Each structure stands twice: as structure tokens, then as C-alpha cells.
């Protein structure tokens, strides 16, 4: 089965279109995914071949003579076949990638700003969802109906449960796009407040809760079982922690 990260991030990574957060996440992932590492080298190799391929119209002979007359003849001192050249280049790219990833994931690079970057975008998504007609893709209190709606829309198993007896009533769910990647959002109601619980797959190990706030909204993020969670609301932070415990339980 093809790795999800290959389709989601590889080409954007090559084109320098990923954010700092997503770039580091993809580079960390490649340390443990031989498929993505090999595909990155192959794509970079192909891009180099296309750049030097003779996919252009030849210049007129007169223009070539004019330019050639202004250049000093350069004798080639080393004979290297095109195959050997690109073989060496691919190996160099692979070594450079390993060195780059090792530098980017150093403890000094990871900071509170790094951890909060994706949460900031999620808070913005939460605010957008509060506009009329945006809160759910499916509005239902039924766990099975919500699960069925998500089937085929995300490539990971969602822990969908209704916690109405604990004061967190399931309202439904939807798909959001966070940093160019589909993310599931489960919606709960708590004392008149709506809570979005965003969930996406991750290769990262489990991590303790990390909390923060942005524009008057509180968020709490944690990782468990190869899933990343971030609950957002203007509810009391204690409510977010209680929901986290219910989801993790």
C-alpha cells in the first residue's frame, strides 16, 4: 500500500510549498519511511533529468557560431558518462537529505512556536466552522451514522463516540483542510459552547497534552495511537481537558 505521506506532501515538499511545521513533520517521517525517502530521490532525479533533457528547439547555426566565437574552448579533462553522473548525483542527494533531516529535527529547532503553528491554523478553522452552515458535514448524534459518513473520506480509523451522559453531546462531523491535508473534525456541544476535536494521522510517537490560546479560543493538543488530536473552543479549559480524557479513555 502506498504511503499516505507520499501523495499528501512529497511534491509540495520538492517545490518548497510546505509550511515550516509540515516540512519538519515530513522530514521526520522520512527517517522511518524508506518508501518516501526513495520516492523523493527518484522524483528529484527525474526533475534533474528533465531540466537537462533536450526538450527544446535547436538554435540557428548562425547564432551558435556567434556565441561560440565569444567563448574560449574548454577541453574536457574528465570523461564521465551521463549514467554515472546521475547515479552519483542521486547518491549525493540521498546523503544530503539525511544530513538535512538530522539538522532540522534537532531539539534546538523544536520550540513552542513550532508546536503552536498548526494549532493556530486549527483555531482559524474552528472560527470559520462557527459561521452558519459550516459546522458539520453530517449533523447527527448517532456514532454509527457519523462513522459511516467518514468512511472513505479519511484513511485512518476515527474514535467516534457520543459523550452526552458526561455533558459532551456529539453533534456530527466534517472534513477540514489543514495545511493542504484532509483532517477530520468531530463536533461536541458543552454548556452552550461548541468544541471541535480535530484528528489526523501522524507517524510521531505518543505525546503529553500541550495547551495554548489564540484570539480568545483555547486549544489542547495531544498524540496517541498514531493519531494527533487538537480540541478547540471558547469553553472553559477544564472542559477541554475533560473531553481529552474521555476521548483518550
Foldseek 3Di string as FASTA:
>chain_A
DDDPCQVQPLVCLVVVNFDLLVNLQVLVVCVPDVRSLVVNLVVVLVVVCVVPDPPDDDDDPVVVVVVVVVDDDDDDPDDDDPVRVSVVVSVVVSVVSVVVSVVCPDPVNDDPCSVCVLVVQVQVVVVVCPPPPRVAPDFDQDQVVQQVVCVPVADDHDLGDAPVVVQWGWGHWHWDQGRRRTWIWTWTDHPNKIKTKIKHFGPDAWDDWDWDDDPQKIWIWTDDPRMIIIIIINDDVVVVVVVVVVSVD
